[in-house]
Protein backbone atom coordinates (compact mmCIF):
# COMPACT_ATOMS: atom_id res chain seq x y z
CA MET A 1 -1.22 12.13 -7.42
CA GLY A 2 -2.08 15.22 -5.68
CA ASP A 3 -0.07 18.55 -5.29
CA VAL A 4 2.97 19.19 -3.25
CA ALA A 5 3.40 22.00 -0.57
CA ALA A 6 6.43 22.89 1.86
CA ILE A 7 5.91 24.52 4.86
CA GLY A 8 8.57 26.13 7.13
CA GLU A 9 11.13 28.88 6.97
CA ALA A 10 11.66 30.65 4.24
CA THR A 11 15.30 29.63 3.90
CA ARG A 12 14.74 26.20 4.18
CA VAL A 13 11.67 26.39 1.59
CA SER A 14 12.21 28.44 -0.89
CA GLY A 15 14.00 26.56 -3.31
CA TRP A 16 11.36 23.52 -3.25
CA GLY A 17 9.30 25.95 -5.92
CA LEU A 18 11.88 25.18 -8.34
CA ALA A 19 10.36 21.99 -8.28
CA GLY A 20 6.78 23.23 -8.69
CA VAL A 21 6.06 22.89 -5.02
CA SER A 22 3.80 25.45 -3.61
CA VAL A 23 6.17 27.19 -0.71
CA LEU A 24 4.33 28.94 2.29
CA PRO A 25 7.24 30.41 4.04
CA VAL A 26 6.18 30.77 8.43
CA GLY A 27 7.95 31.97 10.67
CA THR A 28 5.76 30.97 13.82
CA ALA A 29 4.17 27.92 14.91
CA ASP A 30 0.60 29.57 14.84
CA GLU A 31 1.48 30.76 11.44
CA ALA A 32 2.68 27.17 10.37
CA ARG A 33 -0.86 25.90 11.79
CA GLN A 34 -2.93 28.57 9.92
CA ALA A 35 -0.93 28.16 6.86
CA TRP A 36 -1.88 23.99 7.32
CA ARG A 37 -5.54 24.68 7.50
CA GLU A 38 -5.68 27.03 4.45
CA LEU A 39 -4.03 24.24 2.06
CA PRO A 40 -6.22 23.19 -0.95
CA GLU A 41 -7.71 20.03 -0.84
CA GLU A 42 -5.72 18.92 -3.80
CA VAL A 43 -2.58 18.97 -1.59
CA THR A 44 -1.79 15.63 -0.21
CA LEU A 45 1.93 15.70 0.38
CA VAL A 46 2.88 18.67 2.55
CA ILE A 47 6.98 18.98 3.23
CA VAL A 48 7.87 20.34 6.81
CA THR A 49 10.88 21.43 8.51
CA PRO A 50 11.20 19.59 12.13
CA GLU A 51 10.25 22.56 14.22
CA ILE A 52 6.97 22.84 11.76
CA ALA A 53 6.08 18.99 12.46
CA ASP A 54 6.10 19.61 15.88
CA ALA A 55 3.70 22.30 15.26
CA VAL A 56 1.19 20.62 13.20
CA ALA A 57 1.43 17.22 14.47
CA GLY A 58 -1.76 16.06 15.68
CA ILE A 59 -3.48 17.69 12.80
CA GLY A 60 -4.51 14.50 11.12
CA ASP A 61 -6.15 15.26 8.43
CA GLY A 62 -5.03 12.42 6.17
CA ARG A 63 -2.16 14.45 4.28
CA LEU A 64 1.29 12.52 4.29
CA ILE A 65 4.15 14.80 5.65
CA ALA A 66 8.13 14.51 4.76
CA VAL A 67 10.01 16.26 7.70
CA MET A 68 13.43 17.48 6.26
CA PRO A 69 16.24 16.82 7.89
CA PRO A 70 17.37 19.15 10.59
């Protein structure tokens, strides 16, 4: 299995760092798309907040996405 990253509002994703997840706090949809584009190839699972899921929908690069509950 590859690496895991979490993208979203800092207050929602910061705790994932305790589990070894790469945390990428963002504040806007544009920042989220940029963070997604800069993910290393080793990242195969991305945990996102519902707002970020909407922002990155359609990027379709083959990574698995897990959407956090609202």
